[in-house]
């Protein structure tokens, strides 16, 4: 069974920093593209950043220059370093990954974590 588990959310003051982590687990998996999305109260889920297996990155304009996505392929883990946070960054942050799993057959599916809450408030 493939799982994505996020960690690192919490309460931070405006101007502060946080680092989110997301680890993928499962037998015989290859993790391809990974990313972070967020959903603020009353709003639609939106892209924050993505990273390919080779390390190519893409960012939403609203986080460019403040957030940095990275990954460790050996650990099947993606990170999101966030600096200069502001109240508009308050949201549940979700990890996303495209994962190939070999088993009785072969599957190539998109998975989501359950989310981690980031609250930016003084």
N, C-alpha and C. Protein backbone atom coordinates (compact mmCIF):
# COMPACT_ATOMS: atom_id res chain seq x y z
N UNK A 1 0.85 -1.18 0.00
CA UNK A 1 0.00 0.00 0.00
C UNK A 1 0.89 1.24 0.00
N UNK A 2 0.65 2.14 -0.93
CA UNK A 2 1.44 3.36 -1.03
C UNK A 2 0.85 4.43 -0.12
N UNK A 3 1.72 5.11 0.60
CA UNK A 3 1.29 6.19 1.48
C UNK A 3 2.22 7.39 1.34
N UNK A 4 1.63 8.58 1.51
CA UNK A 4 2.38 9.82 1.62
C UNK A 4 2.08 10.40 2.99
N UNK A 5 3.12 10.70 3.74
CA UNK A 5 2.93 11.24 5.08
C UNK A 5 3.69 12.55 5.21
N UNK A 6 2.92 13.63 5.47
CA UNK A 6 3.52 14.95 5.63
C UNK A 6 3.84 15.22 7.10
N UNK A 7 4.80 16.12 7.31
CA UNK A 7 5.13 16.58 8.65
C UNK A 7 5.73 17.97 8.55
N UNK A 8 5.75 18.68 9.68
CA UNK A 8 6.43 19.96 9.74
C UNK A 8 5.54 21.17 9.82
N UNK A 9 4.24 20.99 9.74
CA UNK A 9 3.36 22.14 9.85
C UNK A 9 3.30 22.67 11.27
N UNK A 10 2.63 23.81 11.43
CA UNK A 10 2.49 24.39 12.75
C UNK A 10 2.16 25.86 12.69
N UNK A 11 2.28 26.51 13.84
CA UNK A 11 2.00 27.93 13.97
C UNK A 11 3.31 28.71 13.91
N UNK A 12 3.34 29.74 13.08
CA UNK A 12 4.54 30.55 12.94
C UNK A 12 4.12 32.01 12.81
N UNK A 13 4.95 32.91 13.29
CA UNK A 13 4.66 34.33 13.19
C UNK A 13 4.98 34.86 11.80
N UNK A 14 4.32 35.92 11.38
CA UNK A 14 4.66 36.53 10.08
C UNK A 14 6.15 36.83 10.00
N UNK A 15 6.72 36.52 8.84
CA UNK A 15 8.15 36.68 8.66
C UNK A 15 8.96 35.46 9.05
N UNK A 16 8.31 34.48 9.65
CA UNK A 16 9.00 33.29 10.10
C UNK A 16 9.20 32.26 9.01
N UNK A 17 9.74 31.10 9.42
CA UNK A 17 10.07 30.03 8.47
C UNK A 17 9.56 28.70 8.97
N UNK A 18 9.31 27.81 8.04
CA UNK A 18 8.95 26.43 8.33
C UNK A 18 9.49 25.53 7.24
N UNK A 19 9.72 24.28 7.59
CA UNK A 19 10.13 23.29 6.60
C UNK A 19 9.18 22.10 6.68
N UNK A 20 8.53 21.83 5.56
CA UNK A 20 7.64 20.68 5.47
C UNK A 20 8.37 19.51 4.83
N UNK A 21 7.99 18.32 5.27
CA UNK A 21 8.54 17.09 4.68
C UNK A 21 7.40 16.16 4.30
N UNK A 22 7.65 15.34 3.30
CA UNK A 22 6.66 14.36 2.88
C UNK A 22 7.41 13.12 2.42
N UNK A 23 7.12 12.00 3.07
CA UNK A 23 7.79 10.75 2.74
C UNK A 23 6.81 9.79 2.09
N UNK A 24 7.22 9.21 0.99
CA UNK A 24 6.42 8.19 0.31
C UNK A 24 6.91 6.81 0.74
N UNK A 25 5.98 5.91 0.97
CA UNK A 25 6.34 4.56 1.37
C UNK A 25 5.48 3.55 0.62
N UNK A 26 6.04 2.35 0.49
CA UNK A 26 5.34 1.28 -0.20
C UNK A 26 6.36 0.34 -0.80
N UNK A 27 5.95 -0.85 -1.15
CA UNK A 27 6.89 -1.82 -1.70
C UNK A 27 7.05 -1.61 -3.20
N UNK A 28 8.26 -1.78 -3.65
CA UNK A 28 8.59 -1.75 -5.09
C UNK A 28 8.07 -0.49 -5.78
N UNK A 29 8.33 0.66 -5.20
CA UNK A 29 7.84 1.91 -5.78
C UNK A 29 8.98 2.73 -6.39
N UNK A 30 8.61 3.46 -7.43
CA UNK A 30 9.47 4.49 -8.01
C UNK A 30 8.67 5.78 -7.98
N UNK A 31 9.22 6.78 -7.32
CA UNK A 31 8.51 8.04 -7.16
C UNK A 31 8.97 9.01 -8.23
N UNK A 32 8.07 9.42 -9.06
CA UNK A 32 8.42 10.36 -10.13
C UNK A 32 8.16 11.79 -9.67
N UNK A 33 7.33 12.54 -10.35
CA UNK A 33 7.10 13.93 -9.96
C UNK A 33 6.47 14.01 -8.56
N UNK A 34 6.92 15.00 -7.79
CA UNK A 34 6.36 15.26 -6.47
C UNK A 34 6.02 16.74 -6.38
N UNK A 35 5.11 17.06 -5.48
CA UNK A 35 4.74 18.46 -5.37
C UNK A 35 4.00 18.78 -4.09
N UNK A 36 3.83 20.07 -3.89
CA UNK A 36 3.06 20.58 -2.77
C UNK A 36 1.92 21.45 -3.30
N UNK A 37 0.76 21.25 -2.71
CA UNK A 37 -0.42 22.05 -2.99
C UNK A 37 -0.93 22.57 -1.66
N UNK A 38 -1.77 23.58 -1.70
CA UNK A 38 -2.34 24.09 -0.46
C UNK A 38 -3.78 24.52 -0.68
N UNK A 39 -4.53 24.46 0.42
CA UNK A 39 -5.92 24.88 0.38
C UNK A 39 -6.22 25.72 1.61
N UNK A 40 -6.50 26.99 1.37
CA UNK A 40 -6.87 27.90 2.44
C UNK A 40 -8.37 27.79 2.70
N UNK A 41 -8.82 28.19 3.88
CA UNK A 41 -10.26 28.11 4.20
C UNK A 41 -11.10 28.85 3.16
N UNK A 42 -12.10 28.17 2.64
CA UNK A 42 -13.00 28.79 1.69
C UNK A 42 -12.46 28.94 0.29
N UNK A 43 -11.27 28.39 0.04
CA UNK A 43 -10.66 28.54 -1.29
C UNK A 43 -10.39 27.17 -1.91
N UNK A 44 -10.11 27.19 -3.20
CA UNK A 44 -9.80 25.96 -3.90
C UNK A 44 -8.35 25.56 -3.65
N UNK A 45 -8.08 24.28 -3.79
CA UNK A 45 -6.70 23.80 -3.67
C UNK A 45 -5.88 24.38 -4.82
N UNK A 46 -4.66 24.83 -4.51
CA UNK A 46 -3.81 25.44 -5.54
C UNK A 46 -2.41 24.87 -5.48
N UNK A 47 -1.77 24.93 -6.64
CA UNK A 47 -0.38 24.47 -6.75
C UNK A 47 0.54 25.42 -5.99
N UNK A 48 1.49 24.84 -5.25
CA UNK A 48 2.54 25.64 -4.63
C UNK A 48 3.85 25.45 -5.38
N UNK A 49 4.27 24.19 -5.52
CA UNK A 49 5.53 23.90 -6.20
C UNK A 49 5.57 22.43 -6.59
N UNK A 50 6.29 22.16 -7.67
CA UNK A 50 6.50 20.78 -8.08
C UNK A 50 7.97 20.56 -8.39
N UNK A 51 8.38 19.29 -8.36
CA UNK A 51 9.76 18.93 -8.68
C UNK A 51 9.76 17.57 -9.37
N UNK A 52 10.47 17.49 -10.47
CA UNK A 52 10.58 16.23 -11.18
C UNK A 52 11.60 15.33 -10.50
N UNK A 53 11.66 14.09 -10.94
CA UNK A 53 12.63 13.17 -10.36
C UNK A 53 14.07 13.64 -10.60
N UNK A 54 14.27 14.32 -11.71
CA UNK A 54 15.61 14.82 -12.04
C UNK A 54 15.91 16.16 -11.38
N UNK A 55 14.89 16.76 -10.73
CA UNK A 55 15.15 17.98 -9.98
C UNK A 55 14.66 19.27 -10.61
N UNK A 56 13.98 19.19 -11.72
CA UNK A 56 13.41 20.40 -12.32
C UNK A 56 12.25 20.89 -11.46
N UNK A 57 12.20 22.19 -11.22
CA UNK A 57 11.20 22.75 -10.31
C UNK A 57 10.28 23.74 -11.00
N UNK A 58 9.13 23.92 -10.38
CA UNK A 58 8.13 24.87 -10.86
C UNK A 58 7.44 25.45 -9.63
N UNK A 59 7.20 26.78 -9.64
CA UNK A 59 6.62 27.45 -8.48
C UNK A 59 5.42 28.31 -8.87
N UNK A 60 4.49 28.43 -7.96
CA UNK A 60 3.44 29.42 -8.11
C UNK A 60 4.05 30.81 -7.95
N UNK A 61 3.51 31.78 -8.68
CA UNK A 61 4.06 33.14 -8.60
C UNK A 61 4.03 33.68 -7.17
N UNK A 62 3.03 33.29 -6.41
CA UNK A 62 2.85 33.85 -5.07
C UNK A 62 3.93 33.40 -4.08
N UNK A 63 4.65 32.34 -4.39
CA UNK A 63 5.67 31.83 -3.47
C UNK A 63 7.07 31.93 -4.04
N UNK A 64 7.19 32.37 -5.28
CA UNK A 64 8.49 32.46 -5.93
C UNK A 64 9.43 33.33 -5.10
N UNK A 65 10.62 32.82 -4.84
CA UNK A 65 11.61 33.57 -4.08
C UNK A 65 11.50 33.40 -2.58
N UNK A 66 10.40 32.82 -2.12
CA UNK A 66 10.22 32.60 -0.67
C UNK A 66 10.21 31.11 -0.31
N UNK A 67 9.74 30.29 -1.20
CA UNK A 67 9.65 28.85 -0.96
C UNK A 67 10.65 28.12 -1.86
N UNK A 68 11.18 27.02 -1.35
CA UNK A 68 12.09 26.20 -2.14
C UNK A 68 11.72 24.73 -1.97
N UNK A 69 11.48 24.05 -3.08
CA UNK A 69 11.16 22.62 -3.06
C UNK A 69 12.42 21.83 -3.39
N UNK A 70 12.60 20.73 -2.71
CA UNK A 70 13.74 19.85 -2.96
C UNK A 70 13.31 18.42 -2.66
N UNK A 71 14.16 17.47 -3.02
CA UNK A 71 13.82 16.06 -2.78
C UNK A 71 15.07 15.23 -2.56
N UNK A 72 14.85 14.11 -1.89
CA UNK A 72 15.90 13.12 -1.69
C UNK A 72 15.36 11.82 -2.26
N UNK A 73 15.82 11.45 -3.44
CA UNK A 73 15.27 10.27 -4.11
C UNK A 73 15.57 8.98 -3.33
N UNK A 74 16.69 8.95 -2.64
CA UNK A 74 17.03 7.75 -1.87
C UNK A 74 16.06 7.52 -0.72
N UNK A 75 15.47 8.61 -0.23
CA UNK A 75 14.52 8.51 0.88
C UNK A 75 13.07 8.67 0.43
N UNK A 76 12.87 8.83 -0.89
CA UNK A 76 11.51 9.05 -1.41
C UNK A 76 10.81 10.17 -0.67
N UNK A 77 11.53 11.24 -0.44
CA UNK A 77 11.04 12.35 0.37
C UNK A 77 11.17 13.67 -0.37
N UNK A 78 10.14 14.50 -0.22
CA UNK A 78 10.16 15.85 -0.78
C UNK A 78 10.04 16.84 0.37
N UNK A 79 10.70 17.98 0.19
CA UNK A 79 10.72 19.01 1.22
C UNK A 79 10.20 20.33 0.64
N UNK A 80 9.69 21.16 1.53
CA UNK A 80 9.31 22.52 1.15
C UNK A 80 9.83 23.46 2.22
N UNK A 81 10.87 24.19 1.89
CA UNK A 81 11.41 25.20 2.80
C UNK A 81 10.68 26.51 2.53
N UNK A 82 10.07 27.05 3.57
CA UNK A 82 9.28 28.27 3.44
C UNK A 82 9.88 29.36 4.33
N UNK A 83 10.16 30.52 3.74
CA UNK A 83 10.69 31.65 4.51
C UNK A 83 9.79 32.85 4.27
N UNK A 84 9.97 33.86 5.13
CA UNK A 84 9.21 35.10 5.00
C UNK A 84 7.71 34.81 4.85
N UNK A 85 7.21 33.97 5.71
CA UNK A 85 5.80 33.59 5.64
C UNK A 85 4.90 34.77 6.00
N UNK A 86 3.74 34.82 5.37
CA UNK A 86 2.76 35.84 5.69
C UNK A 86 1.40 35.18 5.91
N UNK A 87 0.45 35.91 6.49
CA UNK A 87 -0.85 35.30 6.81
C UNK A 87 -1.55 34.68 5.61
N UNK A 88 -1.28 35.17 4.42
CA UNK A 88 -1.90 34.61 3.21
C UNK A 88 -1.38 33.21 2.89
N UNK A 89 -0.31 32.80 3.55
CA UNK A 89 0.22 31.45 3.35
C UNK A 89 -0.48 30.43 4.25
N UNK A 90 -1.35 30.90 5.13
CA UNK A 90 -2.09 30.00 6.00
C UNK A 90 -2.97 29.06 5.19
N UNK A 91 -2.79 27.75 5.40
CA UNK A 91 -3.53 26.76 4.61
C UNK A 91 -3.16 25.38 5.09
N UNK A 92 -3.91 24.39 4.63
CA UNK A 92 -3.49 23.00 4.75
C UNK A 92 -2.63 22.69 3.53
N UNK A 93 -1.44 22.20 3.77
CA UNK A 93 -0.50 21.88 2.70
C UNK A 93 -0.52 20.37 2.43
N UNK A 94 -0.73 20.03 1.17
CA UNK A 94 -0.84 18.64 0.76
C UNK A 94 0.34 18.23 -0.11
N UNK A 95 0.85 17.06 0.15
CA UNK A 95 1.88 16.47 -0.68
C UNK A 95 1.23 15.66 -1.79
N UNK A 96 1.84 15.69 -2.96
CA UNK A 96 1.33 14.96 -4.12
C UNK A 96 2.49 14.25 -4.79
N UNK A 97 2.24 13.05 -5.28
CA UNK A 97 3.31 12.33 -5.96
C UNK A 97 2.75 11.39 -7.02
N UNK A 98 3.49 11.24 -8.07
CA UNK A 98 3.17 10.27 -9.12
C UNK A 98 4.09 9.07 -8.88
N UNK A 99 3.49 7.91 -8.64
CA UNK A 99 4.26 6.76 -8.19
C UNK A 99 3.95 5.54 -9.05
N UNK A 100 5.02 4.89 -9.48
CA UNK A 100 4.90 3.61 -10.18
C UNK A 100 5.18 2.51 -9.17
N UNK A 101 4.30 1.52 -9.12
CA UNK A 101 4.48 0.41 -8.20
C UNK A 101 4.42 -0.90 -8.97
N UNK A 102 5.41 -1.74 -8.73
CA UNK A 102 5.44 -3.07 -9.33
C UNK A 102 4.97 -4.09 -8.32
N UNK A 103 4.13 -4.99 -8.76
CA UNK A 103 3.65 -6.03 -7.87
C UNK A 103 3.11 -7.17 -8.71
N UNK A 104 1.89 -7.58 -8.43
CA UNK A 104 1.27 -8.59 -9.28
C UNK A 104 1.11 -8.04 -10.68
N UNK A 105 0.94 -6.74 -10.76
CA UNK A 105 0.85 -6.06 -12.05
C UNK A 105 1.75 -4.85 -12.02
N UNK A 106 1.26 -3.79 -12.59
CA UNK A 106 2.02 -2.53 -12.68
C UNK A 106 1.04 -1.40 -12.58
N UNK A 107 1.34 -0.41 -11.75
CA UNK A 107 0.43 0.72 -11.63
C UNK A 107 1.21 2.02 -11.67
N UNK A 108 0.60 3.03 -12.24
CA UNK A 108 1.18 4.37 -12.31
C UNK A 108 0.07 5.32 -11.88
N UNK A 109 0.15 5.76 -10.64
CA UNK A 109 -0.97 6.52 -10.08
C UNK A 109 -0.49 7.77 -9.35
N UNK A 110 -1.44 8.66 -9.16
CA UNK A 110 -1.20 9.88 -8.41
C UNK A 110 -1.72 9.68 -6.98
N UNK A 111 -0.92 10.08 -6.01
CA UNK A 111 -1.28 9.93 -4.61
C UNK A 111 -1.24 11.28 -3.90
N UNK A 112 -2.05 11.37 -2.85
CA UNK A 112 -2.10 12.57 -2.02
C UNK A 112 -1.89 12.21 -0.55
N UNK A 113 -1.20 13.08 0.17
CA UNK A 113 -1.14 12.94 1.60
C UNK A 113 -2.39 13.52 2.25
N UNK A 114 -2.47 13.38 3.57
CA UNK A 114 -3.66 13.86 4.28
C UNK A 114 -3.57 15.34 4.61
N UNK A 115 -2.39 15.92 4.47
CA UNK A 115 -2.22 17.35 4.69
C UNK A 115 -1.65 17.70 6.04
N UNK A 116 -0.98 18.85 6.08
CA UNK A 116 -0.45 19.38 7.32
C UNK A 116 -0.79 20.87 7.37
N UNK A 117 -1.27 21.33 8.50
CA UNK A 117 -1.76 22.69 8.64
C UNK A 117 -0.61 23.65 8.94
N UNK A 118 -0.54 24.72 8.17
CA UNK A 118 0.38 25.82 8.41
C UNK A 118 -0.44 27.06 8.74
N UNK A 119 -0.19 27.62 9.90
CA UNK A 119 -0.90 28.83 10.33
C UNK A 119 0.12 29.94 10.56
N UNK A 120 -0.06 31.05 9.87
CA UNK A 120 0.83 32.20 10.02
C UNK A 120 0.04 33.30 10.70
N UNK A 121 0.42 33.56 11.93
CA UNK A 121 -0.35 34.53 12.73
C UNK A 121 0.50 35.05 13.86
N UNK A 122 0.25 36.30 14.23
CA UNK A 122 0.94 36.88 15.37
C UNK A 122 0.12 36.72 16.65
